Amino acid sequence: MTGDLFTPELLLHGALGIALAAAAGLRIFVPLLVLSIAAVTGGVELAGGLVWLGTVPALVVFAVATVAEIATYYVPWVDNALDWLGAPLAVTAGTLLVASTLGDADPLLRWVLAVVAGGGVAGTIHGGLAVLRKLSSLTTGGLGNPILATAEAGGALAVALLALALPVVALLLLAVALAFLLRSVRRRTRLAAQP
């Protein structure tokens, strides 16, 4: 991937990383687990320095963390606390996911894309869902939050798997989903503000 700044290979790998980062905005550890499984089984080659993401010990840690994260989001009001505490982790995971997929791209380009695109996408999605969950807690007394938690976990898995199979399609679908999320947050904010 050295030479030209934006090669088709770099764009494809970037789409993969950004789609995985978006999944990290939904659930932090699901895309890390999916990427780790893909790397351990030889489906994805990780960038130097980040090959540890594709080791069996990392896979085990990500599996345990995924189960714990998903289970914890079903505990009323704890899920809201996790949203705010998890924001830096989502940004970090998004950054790692993009950096790990960009292979031997120029290190400056790789890390700028990882921080801006990966961390930015993960943080934006995570923040939008935190607002949506808070509104759900306020409008349903927390009863709607398990439905939201299930949709987020399922969405994270679906996006991560789609990213591995069809990264560009995953990225396009994420743009549509992000627009829907923003519209939902605006609508729920208006509903919550009404007397």
N, C-alpha and C. Protein backbone atom coordinates (compact mmCIF):
# COMPACT_ATOMS: atom_id res chain seq x y z
N MET A 1 0.81 -1.19 0.00
CA MET A 1 0.00 0.00 0.00
C MET A 1 0.85 1.26 0.00
N THR A 2 2.12 1.13 -0.11
CA THR A 2 2.97 2.31 -0.17
C THR A 2 2.93 2.87 -1.58
N GLY A 3 3.45 4.03 -1.78
CA GLY A 3 3.44 4.66 -3.09
C GLY A 3 2.30 5.65 -3.18
N ASP A 4 1.32 5.36 -4.04
CA ASP A 4 0.16 6.25 -4.17
C ASP A 4 -0.53 6.41 -2.83
N LEU A 5 -1.06 7.60 -2.61
CA LEU A 5 -1.68 7.91 -1.33
C LEU A 5 -2.99 7.14 -1.13
N PHE A 6 -3.85 7.14 -2.14
CA PHE A 6 -5.15 6.48 -2.01
C PHE A 6 -5.32 5.43 -3.10
N THR A 7 -4.81 4.25 -2.87
CA THR A 7 -4.94 3.14 -3.80
C THR A 7 -6.28 2.45 -3.56
N PRO A 8 -6.76 1.68 -4.53
CA PRO A 8 -8.00 0.92 -4.30
C PRO A 8 -7.90 0.00 -3.09
N GLU A 9 -6.73 -0.59 -2.90
CA GLU A 9 -6.52 -1.47 -1.74
C GLU A 9 -6.66 -0.70 -0.44
N LEU A 10 -6.06 0.49 -0.38
CA LEU A 10 -6.16 1.32 0.82
C LEU A 10 -7.61 1.72 1.07
N LEU A 11 -8.34 2.08 0.02
CA LEU A 11 -9.74 2.46 0.18
C LEU A 11 -10.58 1.28 0.68
N LEU A 12 -10.33 0.09 0.17
CA LEU A 12 -11.07 -1.09 0.60
C LEU A 12 -10.75 -1.42 2.06
N HIS A 13 -9.48 -1.37 2.41
CA HIS A 13 -9.09 -1.64 3.80
C HIS A 13 -9.60 -0.55 4.73
N GLY A 14 -9.61 0.69 4.24
CA GLY A 14 -10.16 1.79 5.03
C GLY A 14 -11.65 1.62 5.27
N ALA A 15 -12.38 1.18 4.24
CA ALA A 15 -13.81 0.92 4.40
C ALA A 15 -14.05 -0.17 5.43
N LEU A 16 -13.23 -1.21 5.39
CA LEU A 16 -13.33 -2.29 6.38
C LEU A 16 -13.13 -1.74 7.79
N GLY A 17 -12.06 -0.99 7.97
CA GLY A 17 -11.75 -0.45 9.29
C GLY A 17 -12.81 0.51 9.80
N ILE A 18 -13.30 1.39 8.92
CA ILE A 18 -14.30 2.37 9.35
C ILE A 18 -15.62 1.69 9.68
N ALA A 19 -16.00 0.68 8.90
CA ALA A 19 -17.23 -0.06 9.21
C ALA A 19 -17.09 -0.79 10.55
N LEU A 20 -15.93 -1.37 10.81
CA LEU A 20 -15.70 -2.02 12.11
C LEU A 20 -15.72 -0.98 13.24
N ALA A 21 -15.17 0.20 12.97
CA ALA A 21 -15.19 1.26 13.98
C ALA A 21 -16.62 1.69 14.29
N ALA A 22 -17.45 1.74 13.26
CA ALA A 22 -18.85 2.09 13.49
C ALA A 22 -19.52 1.04 14.37
N ALA A 23 -19.19 -0.22 14.14
CA ALA A 23 -19.73 -1.29 14.99
C ALA A 23 -19.26 -1.12 16.43
N ALA A 24 -18.05 -0.60 16.62
CA ALA A 24 -17.55 -0.34 17.97
C ALA A 24 -18.33 0.78 18.65
N GLY A 25 -18.94 1.65 17.87
CA GLY A 25 -19.82 2.66 18.44
C GLY A 25 -21.08 2.05 19.01
N LEU A 26 -21.49 0.90 18.47
CA LEU A 26 -22.67 0.19 18.97
C LEU A 26 -22.32 -0.66 20.19
N ARG A 27 -21.31 -1.47 20.07
CA ARG A 27 -20.79 -2.31 21.15
C ARG A 27 -19.29 -2.36 20.97
N ILE A 28 -18.57 -1.99 21.98
CA ILE A 28 -17.12 -1.82 21.89
C ILE A 28 -16.39 -3.11 21.53
N PHE A 29 -16.74 -4.20 22.16
CA PHE A 29 -15.95 -5.42 22.02
C PHE A 29 -16.41 -6.36 20.91
N VAL A 30 -17.63 -6.22 20.42
CA VAL A 30 -18.11 -7.12 19.36
C VAL A 30 -17.22 -7.06 18.11
N PRO A 31 -16.94 -5.88 17.55
CA PRO A 31 -16.10 -5.87 16.35
C PRO A 31 -14.65 -6.28 16.62
N LEU A 32 -14.16 -6.01 17.82
CA LEU A 32 -12.82 -6.48 18.16
C LEU A 32 -12.78 -8.01 18.18
N LEU A 33 -13.84 -8.62 18.72
CA LEU A 33 -13.93 -10.08 18.73
C LEU A 33 -14.04 -10.63 17.31
N VAL A 34 -14.89 -10.03 16.50
CA VAL A 34 -15.06 -10.49 15.11
C VAL A 34 -13.75 -10.36 14.34
N LEU A 35 -13.06 -9.23 14.48
CA LEU A 35 -11.78 -9.04 13.80
C LEU A 35 -10.74 -10.04 14.30
N SER A 36 -10.73 -10.27 15.61
CA SER A 36 -9.78 -11.22 16.18
C SER A 36 -10.02 -12.63 15.64
N ILE A 37 -11.28 -13.04 15.57
CA ILE A 37 -11.60 -14.36 15.01
C ILE A 37 -11.15 -14.43 13.55
N ALA A 38 -11.44 -13.38 12.79
CA ALA A 38 -11.05 -13.37 11.38
C ALA A 38 -9.53 -13.44 11.22
N ALA A 39 -8.81 -12.76 12.09
CA ALA A 39 -7.35 -12.77 12.00
C ALA A 39 -6.78 -14.12 12.43
N VAL A 40 -7.31 -14.70 13.50
CA VAL A 40 -6.83 -16.00 13.98
C VAL A 40 -7.06 -17.07 12.92
N THR A 41 -8.19 -17.00 12.22
CA THR A 41 -8.52 -18.01 11.21
C THR A 41 -7.90 -17.71 9.85
N GLY A 42 -7.17 -16.60 9.74
CA GLY A 42 -6.49 -16.27 8.49
C GLY A 42 -7.32 -15.49 7.50
N GLY A 43 -8.48 -15.01 7.89
CA GLY A 43 -9.35 -14.27 6.98
C GLY A 43 -8.94 -12.83 6.79
N VAL A 44 -8.19 -12.27 7.73
CA VAL A 44 -7.76 -10.87 7.67
C VAL A 44 -6.32 -10.80 8.10
N GLU A 45 -5.56 -9.99 7.38
CA GLU A 45 -4.17 -9.73 7.77
C GLU A 45 -4.12 -8.39 8.49
N LEU A 46 -3.56 -8.38 9.69
CA LEU A 46 -3.50 -7.16 10.48
C LEU A 46 -2.18 -6.43 10.26
N ALA A 47 -2.22 -5.13 10.48
CA ALA A 47 -1.05 -4.28 10.32
C ALA A 47 -0.01 -4.63 11.38
N GLY A 48 1.25 -4.47 11.00
CA GLY A 48 2.34 -4.71 11.93
C GLY A 48 2.18 -3.86 13.18
N GLY A 49 2.54 -4.42 14.30
CA GLY A 49 2.39 -3.72 15.57
C GLY A 49 1.03 -3.95 16.20
N LEU A 50 0.06 -4.38 15.40
CA LEU A 50 -1.27 -4.65 15.93
C LEU A 50 -1.69 -6.11 15.70
N VAL A 51 -0.73 -6.94 15.35
CA VAL A 51 -1.03 -8.36 15.12
C VAL A 51 -1.48 -9.06 16.40
N TRP A 52 -1.20 -8.48 17.55
CA TRP A 52 -1.64 -9.06 18.81
C TRP A 52 -3.16 -9.16 18.87
N LEU A 53 -3.87 -8.30 18.11
CA LEU A 53 -5.33 -8.37 18.08
C LEU A 53 -5.81 -9.71 17.52
N GLY A 54 -4.97 -10.37 16.74
CA GLY A 54 -5.32 -11.63 16.11
C GLY A 54 -4.68 -12.84 16.77
N THR A 55 -4.48 -12.77 18.07
CA THR A 55 -3.92 -13.92 18.79
C THR A 55 -5.02 -14.59 19.60
N VAL A 56 -4.79 -15.84 19.96
CA VAL A 56 -5.78 -16.58 20.75
C VAL A 56 -6.02 -15.92 22.12
N PRO A 57 -4.98 -15.47 22.84
CA PRO A 57 -5.26 -14.80 24.12
C PRO A 57 -6.14 -13.55 23.94
N ALA A 58 -5.88 -12.77 22.90
CA ALA A 58 -6.71 -11.58 22.64
C ALA A 58 -8.14 -12.00 22.33
N LEU A 59 -8.29 -13.06 21.54
CA LEU A 59 -9.62 -13.56 21.19
C LEU A 59 -10.39 -13.94 22.45
N VAL A 60 -9.74 -14.62 23.38
CA VAL A 60 -10.40 -15.03 24.63
C VAL A 60 -10.81 -13.80 25.44
N VAL A 61 -9.90 -12.84 25.56
CA VAL A 61 -10.21 -11.61 26.31
C VAL A 61 -11.38 -10.88 25.66
N PHE A 62 -11.38 -10.75 24.33
CA PHE A 62 -12.47 -10.06 23.64
C PHE A 62 -13.79 -10.82 23.79
N ALA A 63 -13.74 -12.14 23.81
CA ALA A 63 -14.97 -12.93 23.98
C ALA A 63 -15.57 -12.69 25.36
N VAL A 64 -14.74 -12.74 26.38
CA VAL A 64 -15.22 -12.51 27.75
C VAL A 64 -15.74 -11.07 27.88
N ALA A 65 -15.00 -10.12 27.35
CA ALA A 65 -15.41 -8.71 27.43
C ALA A 65 -16.72 -8.48 26.67
N THR A 66 -16.90 -9.16 25.54
CA THR A 66 -18.13 -9.01 24.76
C THR A 66 -19.33 -9.50 25.55
N VAL A 67 -19.21 -10.68 26.14
CA VAL A 67 -20.32 -11.23 26.94
C VAL A 67 -20.64 -10.30 28.12
N ALA A 68 -19.62 -9.83 28.81
CA ALA A 68 -19.83 -8.94 29.96
C ALA A 68 -20.47 -7.63 29.52
N GLU A 69 -19.99 -7.06 28.43
CA GLU A 69 -20.54 -5.79 27.95
C GLU A 69 -22.00 -5.94 27.56
N ILE A 70 -22.31 -6.96 26.79
CA ILE A 70 -23.69 -7.16 26.34
C ILE A 70 -24.61 -7.39 27.55
N ALA A 71 -24.19 -8.24 28.48
CA ALA A 71 -25.02 -8.53 29.66
C ALA A 71 -25.26 -7.28 30.50
N THR A 72 -24.24 -6.47 30.67
CA THR A 72 -24.35 -5.29 31.53
C THR A 72 -25.33 -4.27 30.95
N TYR A 73 -25.46 -4.20 29.63
CA TYR A 73 -26.38 -3.24 29.04
C TYR A 73 -27.85 -3.60 29.28
N TYR A 74 -28.12 -4.77 29.84
CA TYR A 74 -29.50 -5.15 30.17
C TYR A 74 -29.87 -4.77 31.61
N VAL A 75 -28.94 -4.20 32.35
CA VAL A 75 -29.22 -3.77 33.72
C VAL A 75 -29.70 -2.32 33.66
N PRO A 76 -30.96 -2.08 34.09
CA PRO A 76 -31.52 -0.72 34.02
C PRO A 76 -30.64 0.30 34.74
N TRP A 77 -30.51 1.44 34.13
CA TRP A 77 -29.76 2.61 34.58
C TRP A 77 -28.26 2.40 34.59
N VAL A 78 -27.79 1.17 34.75
CA VAL A 78 -26.36 0.90 34.61
C VAL A 78 -25.96 1.13 33.16
N ASP A 79 -26.87 0.80 32.24
CA ASP A 79 -26.60 1.00 30.82
C ASP A 79 -26.30 2.47 30.50
N ASN A 80 -27.00 3.39 31.16
CA ASN A 80 -26.74 4.81 30.94
C ASN A 80 -25.35 5.21 31.43
N ALA A 81 -24.95 4.67 32.58
CA ALA A 81 -23.61 4.95 33.10
C ALA A 81 -22.54 4.40 32.16
N LEU A 82 -22.79 3.19 31.63
CA LEU A 82 -21.83 2.59 30.71
C LEU A 82 -21.66 3.41 29.44
N ASP A 83 -22.74 4.04 29.00
CA ASP A 83 -22.64 4.87 27.80
C ASP A 83 -21.59 5.96 27.97
N TRP A 84 -21.61 6.62 29.12
CA TRP A 84 -20.67 7.72 29.32
C TRP A 84 -19.27 7.22 29.66
N LEU A 85 -19.20 6.14 30.43
CA LEU A 85 -17.89 5.57 30.76
C LEU A 85 -17.24 4.90 29.55
N GLY A 86 -18.07 4.36 28.65
CA GLY A 86 -17.56 3.64 27.50
C GLY A 86 -17.15 4.51 26.33
N ALA A 87 -17.47 5.79 26.37
CA ALA A 87 -17.16 6.66 25.24
C ALA A 87 -15.67 6.67 24.88
N PRO A 88 -14.77 6.85 25.84
CA PRO A 88 -13.35 6.82 25.48
C PRO A 88 -12.90 5.45 24.95
N LEU A 89 -13.51 4.39 25.49
CA LEU A 89 -13.17 3.05 25.00
C LEU A 89 -13.65 2.85 23.57
N ALA A 90 -14.81 3.38 23.24
CA ALA A 90 -15.33 3.26 21.88
C ALA A 90 -14.41 3.99 20.90
N VAL A 91 -13.97 5.17 21.26
CA VAL A 91 -13.06 5.94 20.40
C VAL A 91 -11.74 5.19 20.24
N THR A 92 -11.23 4.64 21.33
CA THR A 92 -9.98 3.87 21.28
C THR A 92 -10.14 2.63 20.40
N ALA A 93 -11.24 1.90 20.59
CA ALA A 93 -11.49 0.70 19.79
C ALA A 93 -11.62 1.06 18.31
N GLY A 94 -12.35 2.13 18.01
CA GLY A 94 -12.49 2.56 16.62
C GLY A 94 -11.15 2.90 16.00
N THR A 95 -10.31 3.57 16.76
CA THR A 95 -8.97 3.92 16.29
C THR A 95 -8.15 2.67 16.00
N LEU A 96 -8.15 1.72 16.94
CA LEU A 96 -7.40 0.46 16.76
C LEU A 96 -7.91 -0.34 15.57
N LEU A 97 -9.23 -0.39 15.40
CA LEU A 97 -9.80 -1.17 14.31
C LEU A 97 -9.38 -0.63 12.95
N VAL A 98 -9.40 0.68 12.78
CA VAL A 98 -8.98 1.25 11.50
C VAL A 98 -7.48 1.06 11.31
N ALA A 99 -6.68 1.37 12.33
CA ALA A 99 -5.23 1.24 12.21
C ALA A 99 -4.82 -0.19 11.89
N SER A 100 -5.52 -1.16 12.47
CA SER A 100 -5.14 -2.56 12.27
C SER A 100 -5.46 -3.07 10.87
N THR A 101 -6.39 -2.44 10.18
CA THR A 101 -6.78 -2.92 8.86
C THR A 101 -6.03 -2.24 7.72
N LEU A 102 -5.29 -1.20 8.00
CA LEU A 102 -4.64 -0.43 6.93
C LEU A 102 -3.28 -0.97 6.53
N GLY A 103 -2.91 -2.12 7.04
CA GLY A 103 -1.70 -2.80 6.58
C GLY A 103 -0.46 -1.96 6.61
N ASP A 104 0.23 -1.93 5.47
CA ASP A 104 1.51 -1.21 5.41
C ASP A 104 1.36 0.18 4.82
N ALA A 105 0.22 0.82 5.04
CA ALA A 105 0.04 2.21 4.61
C ALA A 105 1.05 3.08 5.33
N ASP A 106 1.32 4.22 4.77
CA ASP A 106 2.21 5.18 5.40
C ASP A 106 1.76 5.39 6.85
N PRO A 107 2.67 5.27 7.81
CA PRO A 107 2.26 5.36 9.22
C PRO A 107 1.52 6.65 9.58
N LEU A 108 1.94 7.78 9.03
CA LEU A 108 1.25 9.04 9.32
C LEU A 108 -0.19 8.98 8.80
N LEU A 109 -0.35 8.54 7.56
CA LEU A 109 -1.68 8.43 6.96
C LEU A 109 -2.52 7.42 7.76
N ARG A 110 -1.92 6.29 8.09
CA ARG A 110 -2.64 5.25 8.83
C ARG A 110 -3.18 5.77 10.15
N TRP A 111 -2.35 6.44 10.92
CA TRP A 111 -2.80 6.89 12.24
C TRP A 111 -3.70 8.11 12.18
N VAL A 112 -3.50 8.98 11.19
CA VAL A 112 -4.44 10.11 11.04
C VAL A 112 -5.83 9.57 10.67
N LEU A 113 -5.89 8.65 9.72
CA LEU A 113 -7.18 8.05 9.35
C LEU A 113 -7.78 7.28 10.53
N ALA A 114 -6.93 6.58 11.26
CA ALA A 114 -7.42 5.80 12.40
C ALA A 114 -8.05 6.69 13.46
N VAL A 115 -7.37 7.77 13.81
CA VAL A 115 -7.88 8.66 14.87
C VAL A 115 -9.10 9.43 14.38
N VAL A 116 -8.98 10.05 13.20
CA VAL A 116 -10.06 10.91 12.71
C VAL A 116 -11.27 10.08 12.27
N ALA A 117 -11.06 9.13 11.38
CA ALA A 117 -12.18 8.35 10.86
C ALA A 117 -12.63 7.28 11.85
N GLY A 118 -11.71 6.48 12.33
CA GLY A 118 -12.07 5.39 13.24
C GLY A 118 -12.59 5.87 14.57
N GLY A 119 -11.79 6.68 15.24
CA GLY A 119 -12.22 7.22 16.53
C GLY A 119 -13.42 8.13 16.40
N GLY A 120 -13.44 8.93 15.33
CA GLY A 120 -14.56 9.85 15.12
C GLY A 120 -15.87 9.14 14.87
N VAL A 121 -15.86 8.14 14.01
CA VAL A 121 -17.08 7.39 13.71
C VAL A 121 -17.57 6.65 14.95
N ALA A 122 -16.68 5.94 15.62
CA ALA A 122 -17.07 5.19 16.82
C ALA A 122 -17.62 6.12 17.89
N GLY A 123 -16.94 7.23 18.10
CA GLY A 123 -17.38 8.19 19.12
C GLY A 123 -18.71 8.84 18.79
N THR A 124 -18.91 9.17 17.52
CA THR A 124 -20.16 9.80 17.10
C THR A 124 -21.34 8.84 17.29
N ILE A 125 -21.17 7.61 16.85
CA ILE A 125 -22.25 6.63 16.98
C ILE A 125 -22.51 6.32 18.45
N HIS A 126 -21.44 6.13 19.21
CA HIS A 126 -21.59 5.83 20.64
C HIS A 126 -22.30 6.99 21.35
N GLY A 127 -21.91 8.21 21.04
CA GLY A 127 -22.54 9.38 21.66
C GLY A 127 -24.01 9.53 21.28
N GLY A 128 -24.32 9.30 20.00
CA GLY A 128 -25.71 9.38 19.55
C GLY A 128 -26.58 8.35 20.25
N LEU A 129 -26.05 7.15 20.40
CA LEU A 129 -26.81 6.10 21.08
C LEU A 129 -26.94 6.38 22.57
N ALA A 130 -25.96 7.04 23.16
CA ALA A 130 -26.06 7.40 24.58
C ALA A 130 -27.21 8.38 24.78
N VAL A 131 -27.34 9.33 23.87
CA VAL A 131 -28.46 10.29 23.95
C VAL A 131 -29.78 9.56 23.75
N LEU A 132 -29.83 8.67 22.77
CA LEU A 132 -31.04 7.92 22.50
C LEU A 132 -31.43 7.05 23.71
N ARG A 133 -30.44 6.41 24.35
CA ARG A 133 -30.72 5.58 25.52
C ARG A 133 -31.22 6.43 26.68
N LYS A 134 -30.63 7.60 26.87
CA LYS A 134 -31.07 8.50 27.95
C LYS A 134 -32.52 8.91 27.71
N LEU A 135 -32.83 9.26 26.47
CA LEU A 135 -34.21 9.61 26.14
C LEU A 135 -35.15 8.43 26.34
N SER A 136 -34.69 7.24 25.99
CA SER A 136 -35.50 6.04 26.21
C SER A 136 -35.74 5.83 27.70
N SER A 137 -34.71 6.04 28.50
CA SER A 137 -34.85 5.90 29.95
C SER A 137 -35.86 6.89 30.51
N LEU A 138 -35.81 8.11 30.01
CA LEU A 138 -36.71 9.15 30.50
C LEU A 138 -38.15 8.94 30.04
N THR A 139 -38.32 8.48 28.81
CA THR A 139 -39.67 8.36 28.26
C THR A 139 -40.34 7.02 28.58
N THR A 140 -39.55 5.98 28.84
CA THR A 140 -40.13 4.66 29.12
C THR A 140 -39.79 4.16 30.52
N GLY A 141 -39.11 4.98 31.31
CA GLY A 141 -38.71 4.54 32.64
C GLY A 141 -37.68 3.42 32.60
N GLY A 142 -36.99 3.29 31.48
CA GLY A 142 -35.97 2.26 31.31
C GLY A 142 -36.51 0.97 30.72
N LEU A 143 -37.83 0.86 30.55
CA LEU A 143 -38.41 -0.37 30.02
C LEU A 143 -38.07 -0.59 28.55
N GLY A 144 -37.80 0.48 27.81
CA GLY A 144 -37.45 0.35 26.39
C GLY A 144 -35.97 0.05 26.17
N ASN A 145 -35.18 0.21 27.20
CA ASN A 145 -33.73 0.06 27.04
C ASN A 145 -33.27 -1.35 26.66
N PRO A 146 -33.90 -2.42 27.17
CA PRO A 146 -33.48 -3.76 26.73
C PRO A 146 -33.71 -3.98 25.22
N ILE A 147 -34.75 -3.39 24.69
CA ILE A 147 -34.99 -3.49 23.25
C ILE A 147 -33.87 -2.78 22.50
N LEU A 148 -33.51 -1.61 22.97
CA LEU A 148 -32.42 -0.85 22.37
C LEU A 148 -31.10 -1.61 22.51
N ALA A 149 -30.86 -2.21 23.66
CA ALA A 149 -29.62 -2.98 23.89
C ALA A 149 -29.53 -4.16 22.94
N THR A 150 -30.65 -4.84 22.73
CA THR A 150 -30.67 -5.98 21.81
C THR A 150 -30.39 -5.53 20.39
N ALA A 151 -31.01 -4.42 19.98
CA ALA A 151 -30.79 -3.90 18.63
C ALA A 151 -29.34 -3.47 18.44
N GLU A 152 -28.75 -2.86 19.44
CA GLU A 152 -27.35 -2.43 19.34
C GLU A 152 -26.40 -3.62 19.23
N ALA A 153 -26.61 -4.63 20.07
CA ALA A 153 -25.72 -5.80 20.02
C ALA A 153 -25.87 -6.52 18.69
N GLY A 154 -27.10 -6.71 18.25
CA GLY A 154 -27.34 -7.35 16.95
C GLY A 154 -26.78 -6.52 15.81
N GLY A 155 -26.95 -5.22 15.90
CA GLY A 155 -26.43 -4.32 14.87
C GLY A 155 -24.91 -4.35 14.81
N ALA A 156 -24.27 -4.38 15.97
CA ALA A 156 -22.80 -4.43 16.01
C ALA A 156 -22.29 -5.70 15.34
N LEU A 157 -22.94 -6.83 15.63
CA LEU A 157 -22.53 -8.09 15.02
C LEU A 157 -22.78 -8.08 13.52
N ALA A 158 -23.95 -7.61 13.12
CA ALA A 158 -24.29 -7.57 11.69
C ALA A 158 -23.34 -6.66 10.92
N VAL A 159 -23.05 -5.50 11.46
CA VAL A 159 -22.16 -4.55 10.78
C VAL A 159 -20.74 -5.12 10.70
N ALA A 160 -20.27 -5.73 11.79
CA ALA A 160 -18.91 -6.29 11.79
C ALA A 160 -18.78 -7.42 10.77
N LEU A 161 -19.79 -8.29 10.71
CA LEU A 161 -19.74 -9.40 9.74
C LEU A 161 -19.86 -8.88 8.31
N LEU A 162 -20.75 -7.91 8.10
CA LEU A 162 -20.90 -7.33 6.76
C LEU A 162 -19.61 -6.60 6.35
N ALA A 163 -18.96 -5.96 7.31
CA ALA A 163 -17.70 -5.26 7.01
C ALA A 163 -16.65 -6.23 6.49
N LEU A 164 -16.60 -7.42 7.07
CA LEU A 164 -15.63 -8.42 6.60
C LEU A 164 -15.97 -8.93 5.21
N ALA A 165 -17.27 -9.11 4.94
CA ALA A 165 -17.69 -9.68 3.66
C ALA A 165 -17.74 -8.63 2.55
N LEU A 166 -18.34 -7.48 2.85
CA LEU A 166 -18.54 -6.43 1.84
C LEU A 166 -18.30 -5.06 2.47
N PRO A 167 -17.04 -4.68 2.65
CA PRO A 167 -16.74 -3.45 3.39
C PRO A 167 -17.35 -2.18 2.82
N VAL A 168 -17.38 -2.04 1.51
CA VAL A 168 -17.92 -0.81 0.91
C VAL A 168 -19.43 -0.74 1.13
N VAL A 169 -20.11 -1.88 0.96
CA VAL A 169 -21.56 -1.93 1.20
C VAL A 169 -21.84 -1.61 2.66
N ALA A 170 -21.06 -2.16 3.56
CA ALA A 170 -21.23 -1.89 4.99
C ALA A 170 -21.10 -0.40 5.27
N LEU A 171 -20.13 0.23 4.65
CA LEU A 171 -19.91 1.67 4.86
C LEU A 171 -21.09 2.48 4.34
N LEU A 172 -21.63 2.12 3.19
CA LEU A 172 -22.79 2.83 2.65
C LEU A 172 -24.02 2.64 3.54
N LEU A 173 -24.25 1.43 3.99
CA LEU A 173 -25.38 1.17 4.89
C LEU A 173 -25.22 1.93 6.20
N LEU A 174 -23.99 2.08 6.66
CA LEU A 174 -23.75 2.83 7.89
C LEU A 174 -24.09 4.31 7.73
N ALA A 175 -23.84 4.85 6.56
CA ALA A 175 -24.20 6.24 6.32
C ALA A 175 -25.71 6.41 6.43
N VAL A 176 -26.45 5.47 5.87
CA VAL A 176 -27.92 5.52 5.96
C VAL A 176 -28.36 5.35 7.42
N ALA A 177 -27.76 4.41 8.13
CA ALA A 177 -28.11 4.17 9.53
C ALA A 177 -27.79 5.37 10.41
N LEU A 178 -26.68 6.04 10.13
CA LEU A 178 -26.31 7.22 10.90
C LEU A 178 -27.32 8.34 10.69
N ALA A 179 -27.76 8.51 9.46
CA ALA A 179 -28.79 9.52 9.18
C ALA A 179 -30.08 9.19 9.93
N PHE A 180 -30.45 7.91 9.96
CA PHE A 180 -31.64 7.47 10.69
C PHE A 180 -31.48 7.72 12.19
N LEU A 181 -30.29 7.42 12.73
CA LEU A 181 -30.03 7.64 14.14
C LEU A 181 -30.17 9.11 14.50
N LEU A 182 -29.58 9.97 13.70
CA LEU A 182 -29.66 11.41 13.97
C LEU A 182 -31.11 11.89 13.93
N ARG A 183 -31.88 11.40 12.97
CA ARG A 183 -33.28 11.78 12.86
C ARG A 183 -34.06 11.27 14.08
N SER A 184 -33.76 10.05 14.56
CA SER A 184 -34.44 9.50 15.73
C SER A 184 -34.12 10.30 16.99
N VAL A 185 -32.86 10.68 17.13
CA VAL A 185 -32.47 11.47 18.30
C VAL A 185 -33.19 12.82 18.28
N ARG A 186 -33.24 13.47 17.13
CA ARG A 186 -33.94 14.76 17.04
C ARG A 186 -35.41 14.61 17.37
N ARG A 187 -36.05 13.57 16.83
CA ARG A 187 -37.48 13.35 17.06
C ARG A 187 -37.74 13.06 18.53
N ARG A 188 -36.94 12.20 19.15
CA ARG A 188 -37.13 11.88 20.56
C ARG A 188 -36.85 13.08 21.45
N THR A 189 -35.88 13.92 21.05
CA THR A 189 -35.60 15.12 21.81
C THR A 189 -36.79 16.05 21.79
N ARG A 190 -37.41 16.21 20.61
CA ARG A 190 -38.61 17.05 20.50
C ARG A 190 -39.76 16.49 21.34
N LEU A 191 -39.93 15.16 21.32
CA LEU A 191 -41.00 14.53 22.10
C LEU A 191 -40.77 14.70 23.59
N ALA A 192 -39.53 14.58 24.02
CA ALA A 192 -39.21 14.71 25.44
C ALA A 192 -39.38 16.15 25.91
N ALA A 193 -39.19 17.11 25.02
CA ALA A 193 -39.29 18.52 25.38
C ALA A 193 -40.74 19.01 25.45
N GLN A 194 -41.66 18.25 24.84
CA GLN A 194 -43.06 18.66 24.87
C GLN A 194 -43.64 18.47 26.27
N PRO A 195 -44.49 19.41 26.68
CA PRO A 195 -45.07 19.31 28.04
C PRO A 195 -46.08 18.19 28.14
